[in-house]
């Protein structure tokens, strides 16, 4: 019985260490992504911690490009830099059109959109069921400001 208990404890400790290491890796990846987005002047960068909402990714990053060409450049630069750094790159889509590009880096999913697409789809609203999930707003986006204004109006109407 003692051997069984110690084996179970060892397995649990291994799983906890693995999860802790995974969290550390996803946080380092998130830092990498934010640096690359800032380097190429992405706007309205928001990070959503969605670990509790899906098992697919830990963080979702949403950023705005000033034009379709800027969206293309941001997404392509992030993809290229991730490849150079030998990161786990799962795929990218929408780069050709430039209205909405998606870069999947396994634990971090990055959406880069033109302002009109971002306002239309409101991904922040879709994924932010908890206001504590928004980790970083740099600078505060118009969408977030508009959503807060709408929430205030809704509260006053009640």
C-alpha atoms as a PDB file:
ATOM      1  CA  UNK A   1       0.000   0.000   0.000  1.00  0.00           C
ATOM      2  CA  UNK A   2       2.863   2.401   0.803  1.00  0.00           C
ATOM      3  CA  UNK A   3       4.422   1.847  -2.616  1.00  0.00           C
ATOM      4  CA  UNK A   4       1.088   2.509  -4.311  1.00  0.00           C
ATOM      5  CA  UNK A   5       0.592   5.726  -2.312  1.00  0.00           C
ATOM      6  CA  UNK A   6       4.104   6.959  -3.079  1.00  0.00           C
ATOM      7  CA  UNK A   7       3.603   6.159  -6.784  1.00  0.00           C
ATOM      8  CA  UNK A   8       0.332   8.130  -6.815  1.00  0.00           C
ATOM      9  CA  UNK A   9       1.972  11.035  -4.976  1.00  0.00           C
ATOM     10  CA  UNK A  10       4.851  10.969  -7.433  1.00  0.00           C
ATOM     11  CA  UNK A  11       2.442  10.974 -10.391  1.00  0.00           C
ATOM     12  CA  UNK A  12       0.442  13.883  -8.929  1.00  0.00           C
ATOM     13  CA  UNK A  13       3.609  15.858  -8.210  1.00  0.00           C
ATOM     14  CA  UNK A  14       4.817  15.197 -11.754  1.00  0.00           C
ATOM     15  CA  UNK A  15       1.512  16.426 -13.189  1.00  0.00           C
ATOM     16  CA  UNK A  16       1.627  19.567 -11.027  1.00  0.00           C
ATOM     17  CA  UNK A  17       5.220  20.251 -12.062  1.00  0.00           C
ATOM     18  CA  UNK A  18       4.294  19.706 -15.705  1.00  0.00           C
ATOM     19  CA  UNK A  19       1.343  22.114 -15.448  1.00  0.00           C
ATOM     20  CA  UNK A  20       3.493  24.693 -13.656  1.00  0.00           C
ATOM     21  CA  UNK A  21       6.158  24.362 -16.363  1.00  0.00           C
ATOM     22  CA  UNK A  22       3.476  24.620 -19.062  1.00  0.00           C
ATOM     23  CA  UNK A  23       2.106  27.798 -17.460  1.00  0.00           C
ATOM     24  CA  UNK A  24       5.604  29.249 -17.309  1.00  0.00           C
ATOM     25  CA  UNK A  25       6.139  28.362 -20.979  1.00  0.00           C
ATOM     26  CA  UNK A  26       2.852  29.952 -22.037  1.00  0.00           C
ATOM     27  CA  UNK A  27       3.699  33.106 -20.054  1.00  0.00           C
ATOM     28  CA  UNK A  28       7.105  33.299 -21.756  1.00  0.00           C
ATOM     29  CA  UNK A  29       5.434  32.779 -25.120  1.00  0.00           C
ATOM     30  CA  UNK A  30       2.954  35.538 -24.290  1.00  0.00           C
ATOM     31  CA  UNK A  31       5.832  37.926 -23.499  1.00  0.00           C
ATOM     32  CA  UNK A  32       7.466  37.003 -26.815  1.00  0.00           C
ATOM     33  CA  UNK A  33       4.219  37.693 -28.703  1.00  0.00           C
ATOM     34  CA  UNK A  34       3.664  41.055 -26.998  1.00  0.00           C
ATOM     35  CA  UNK A  35       7.227  42.157 -27.755  1.00  0.00           C
ATOM     36  CA  UNK A  36       6.845  41.257 -31.425  1.00  0.00           C
ATOM     37  CA  UNK A  37       3.462  42.998 -31.708  1.00  0.00           C
ATOM     38  CA  UNK A  38       4.850  46.145 -30.107  1.00  0.00           C
ATOM     39  CA  UNK A  39       7.951  46.025 -32.339  1.00  0.00           C
ATOM     40  CA  UNK A  40       5.799  46.276 -35.458  1.00  0.00           C
ATOM     41  CA  UNK A  41       3.457  48.881 -33.931  1.00  0.00           C
ATOM     42  CA  UNK A  42       0.267  46.849 -33.466  1.00  0.00           C
ATOM     43  CA  UNK A  43      -2.451  48.933 -31.830  1.00  0.00           C
ATOM     44  CA  UNK A  44      -4.984  48.281 -29.065  1.00  0.00           C
ATOM     45  CA  UNK A  45      -3.329  45.086 -27.829  1.00  0.00           C
ATOM     46  CA  UNK A  46      -5.480  43.113 -25.419  1.00  0.00           C
ATOM     47  CA  UNK A  47      -4.582  39.843 -23.712  1.00  0.00           C
ATOM     48  CA  UNK A  48      -7.322  37.529 -22.495  1.00  0.00           C
ATOM     49  CA  UNK A  49      -6.507  34.780 -20.022  1.00  0.00           C
ATOM     50  CA  UNK A  50      -8.846  32.011 -21.188  1.00  0.00           C
ATOM     51  CA  UNK A  51      -7.323  29.038 -19.376  1.00  0.00           C
ATOM     52  CA  UNK A  52     -10.582  28.432 -17.534  1.00  0.00           C
ATOM     53  CA  UNK A  53     -12.725  28.699 -20.661  1.00  0.00           C
ATOM     54  CA  UNK A  54     -10.944  26.281 -23.001  1.00  0.00           C
ATOM     55  CA  UNK A  55      -8.274  23.636 -22.852  1.00  0.00           C
ATOM     56  CA  UNK A  56      -6.982  24.553 -26.319  1.00  0.00           C
ATOM     57  CA  UNK A  57      -5.022  27.698 -25.453  1.00  0.00           C
ATOM     58  CA  UNK A  58      -4.025  29.661 -22.360  1.00  0.00           C
ATOM     59  CA  UNK A  59      -4.080  33.173 -23.801  1.00  0.00           C
ATOM     60  CA  UNK A  60      -5.818  34.957 -26.625  1.00  0.00           C
ATOM     61  CA  UNK A  61      -4.214  38.140 -27.896  1.00  0.00           C
ATOM     62  CA  UNK A  62      -6.213  40.606 -29.970  1.00  0.00           C
ATOM     63  CA  UNK A  63      -4.511  43.468 -31.782  1.00  0.00           C
ATOM     64  CA  UNK A  64      -5.448  46.023 -34.398  1.00  0.00           C
ATOM     65  CA  UNK A  65      -3.581  46.960 -37.547  1.00  0.00           C
ATOM     66  CA  UNK A  66      -4.006  50.393 -39.095  1.00  0.00           C
ATOM     67  CA  UNK A  67      -4.640  48.955 -42.582  1.00  0.00           C
ATOM     68  CA  UNK A  68      -4.917  45.604 -44.341  1.00  0.00           C
ATOM     69  CA  UNK A  69      -1.222  45.868 -45.242  1.00  0.00           C
ATOM     70  CA  UNK A  70      -0.356  46.538 -41.597  1.00  0.00           C
ATOM     71  CA  UNK A  71      -2.405  43.493 -40.478  1.00  0.00           C
ATOM     72  CA  UNK A  72      -0.568  41.359 -43.032  1.00  0.00           C
ATOM     73  CA  UNK A  73       2.808  42.673 -41.881  1.00  0.00           C
ATOM     74  CA  UNK A  74       2.040  42.137 -38.188  1.00  0.00           C
ATOM     75  CA  UNK A  75       0.866  38.562 -38.689  1.00  0.00           C
ATOM     76  CA  UNK A  76       3.660  37.636 -41.083  1.00  0.00           C
ATOM     77  CA  UNK A  77       6.317  39.182 -38.836  1.00  0.00           C
ATOM     78  CA  UNK A  78       4.990  37.331 -35.783  1.00  0.00           C
ATOM     79  CA  UNK A  79       4.928  34.044 -37.714  1.00  0.00           C
ATOM     80  CA  UNK A  80       8.447  34.535 -39.079  1.00  0.00           C
ATOM     81  CA  UNK A  81       9.898  35.520 -35.696  1.00  0.00           C
ATOM     82  CA  UNK A  82       8.213  32.553 -33.991  1.00  0.00           C
ATOM     83  CA  UNK A  83       9.682  30.201 -36.608  1.00  0.00           C
ATOM     84  CA  UNK A  84      13.143  31.764 -36.146  1.00  0.00           C
ATOM     85  CA  UNK A  85      12.843  31.208 -32.392  1.00  0.00           C
ATOM     86  CA  UNK A  86      11.875  27.558 -33.022  1.00  0.00           C
ATOM     87  CA  UNK A  87       8.537  27.989 -31.285  1.00  0.00           C
ATOM     88  CA  UNK A  88       5.617  25.610 -31.675  1.00  0.00           C
ATOM     89  CA  UNK A  89       3.831  27.216 -34.642  1.00  0.00           C
ATOM     90  CA  UNK A  90       0.587  25.455 -35.498  1.00  0.00           C
ATOM     91  CA  UNK A  91      -0.671  27.645 -38.311  1.00  0.00           C
ATOM     92  CA  UNK A  92      -1.752  31.016 -39.595  1.00  0.00           C
ATOM     93  CA  UNK A  93      -4.720  32.101 -41.685  1.00  0.00           C
ATOM     94  CA  UNK A  94      -6.130  35.222 -43.275  1.00  0.00           C
ATOM     95  CA  UNK A  95      -2.756  36.829 -43.888  1.00  0.00           C
ATOM     96  CA  UNK A  96      -3.423  37.120 -47.627  1.00  0.00           C
ATOM     97  CA  UNK A  97      -6.551  39.266 -47.211  1.00  0.00           C
ATOM     98  CA  UNK A  98      -5.373  41.310 -44.260  1.00  0.00           C
ATOM     99  CA  UNK A  99      -8.722  42.083 -42.671  1.00  0.00           C
ATOM    100  CA  UNK A 100      -8.386  39.419 -39.975  1.00  0.00           C
ATOM    101  CA  UNK A 101      -5.288  37.284 -39.538  1.00  0.00           C
ATOM    102  CA  UNK A 102      -4.937  34.451 -37.060  1.00  0.00           C
ATOM    103  CA  UNK A 103      -1.600  33.154 -35.778  1.00  0.00           C
ATOM    104  CA  UNK A 104      -1.768  29.957 -33.710  1.00  0.00           C
ATOM    105  CA  UNK A 105       1.271  29.473 -31.493  1.00  0.00           C
ATOM    106  CA  UNK A 106      -0.223  26.588 -29.524  1.00  0.00           C
ATOM    107  CA  UNK A 107      -0.668  28.122 -26.030  1.00  0.00           C
ATOM    108  CA  UNK A 108      -1.194  31.639 -27.407  1.00  0.00           C
ATOM    109  CA  UNK A 109      -3.683  32.422 -30.156  1.00  0.00           C
ATOM    110  CA  UNK A 110      -3.236  35.812 -31.830  1.00  0.00           C
ATOM    111  CA  UNK A 111      -5.936  37.676 -33.755  1.00  0.00           C
ATOM    112  CA  UNK A 112      -4.817  40.718 -35.758  1.00  0.00           C
ATOM    113  CA  UNK A 113      -7.657  42.708 -37.296  1.00  0.00           C
ATOM    114  CA  UNK A 114      -8.416  45.982 -38.991  1.00  0.00           C
ATOM    115  CA  UNK A 115     -10.494  48.268 -36.767  1.00  0.00           C
ATOM    116  CA  UNK A 116     -13.754  47.692 -38.664  1.00  0.00           C
ATOM    117  CA  UNK A 117     -13.532  43.897 -38.335  1.00  0.00           C
ATOM    118  CA  UNK A 118     -12.598  44.143 -34.676  1.00  0.00           C
ATOM    119  CA  UNK A 119     -15.541  46.404 -33.931  1.00  0.00           C
ATOM    120  CA  UNK A 120     -17.906  44.114 -35.823  1.00  0.00           C
ATOM    121  CA  UNK A 121     -16.848  40.796 -34.267  1.00  0.00           C
ATOM    122  CA  UNK A 122     -16.147  42.074 -30.719  1.00  0.00           C
ATOM    123  CA  UNK A 123     -14.022  39.068 -29.721  1.00  0.00           C
ATOM    124  CA  UNK A 124     -13.256  40.721 -26.368  1.00  0.00           C
ATOM    125  CA  UNK A 125     -16.936  40.670 -25.508  1.00  0.00           C
ATOM    126  CA  UNK A 126     -17.336  37.073 -26.670  1.00  0.00           C
ATOM    127  CA  UNK A 127     -14.442  35.745 -24.585  1.00  0.00           C
ATOM    128  CA  UNK A 128     -14.440  38.121 -21.586  1.00  0.00           C
ATOM    129  CA  UNK A 129     -17.168  36.706 -19.401  1.00  0.00           C
ATOM    130  CA  UNK A 130     -15.008  37.724 -16.446  1.00  0.00           C
ATOM    131  CA  UNK A 131     -13.608  41.244 -16.356  1.00  0.00           C
ATOM    132  CA  UNK A 132     -10.523  39.853 -14.576  1.00  0.00           C
ATOM    133  CA  UNK A 133      -9.682  37.878 -17.734  1.00  0.00           C
ATOM    134  CA  UNK A 134      -8.406  41.021 -19.460  1.00  0.00           C
ATOM    135  CA  UNK A 135      -4.732  41.128 -18.499  1.00  0.00           C
ATOM    136  CA  UNK A 136      -3.226  43.869 -20.574  1.00  0.00           C
ATOM    137  CA  UNK A 137      -4.742  46.736 -22.461  1.00  0.00           C
ATOM    138  CA  UNK A 138      -2.186  48.807 -24.264  1.00  0.00           C
ATOM    139  CA  UNK A 139      -3.658  51.357 -24.975  1.00  0.00           C
ATOM    140  CA  UNK A 140      -7.317  51.079 -23.947  1.00  0.00           C
ATOM    141  CA  UNK A 141      -9.226  50.129 -27.054  1.00  0.00           C
ATOM    142  CA  UNK A 142     -12.236  51.972 -28.388  1.00  0.00           C
ATOM    143  CA  UNK A 143     -14.154  48.703 -28.283  1.00  0.00           C
ATOM    144  CA  UNK A 144     -13.510  48.283 -24.561  1.00  0.00           C
ATOM    145  CA  UNK A 145     -14.487  51.882 -23.926  1.00  0.00           C
ATOM    146  CA  UNK A 146     -17.652  51.433 -25.976  1.00  0.00           C
ATOM    147  CA  UNK A 147     -18.500  48.193 -24.161  1.00  0.00           C
ATOM    148  CA  UNK A 148     -18.054  49.873 -20.744  1.00  0.00           C
ATOM    149  CA  UNK A 149     -20.257  52.749 -21.869  1.00  0.00           C
ATOM    150  CA  UNK A 150     -22.914  50.290 -23.061  1.00  0.00           C
ATOM    151  CA  UNK A 151     -22.746  48.368 -19.754  1.00  0.00           C
ATOM    152  CA  UNK A 152     -23.286  51.626 -17.863  1.00  0.00           C
ATOM    153  CA  UNK A 153     -26.308  52.442 -20.004  1.00  0.00           C
ATOM    154  CA  UNK A 154     -27.697  48.935 -19.466  1.00  0.00           C
ATOM    155  CA  UNK A 155     -27.241  49.281 -15.685  1.00  0.00           C
ATOM    156  CA  UNK A 156     -29.019  52.641 -15.662  1.00  0.00           C
ATOM    157  CA  UNK A 157     -31.918  51.166 -17.656  1.00  0.00           C
ATOM    158  CA  UNK A 158     -32.434  48.451 -15.011  1.00  0.00           C
END
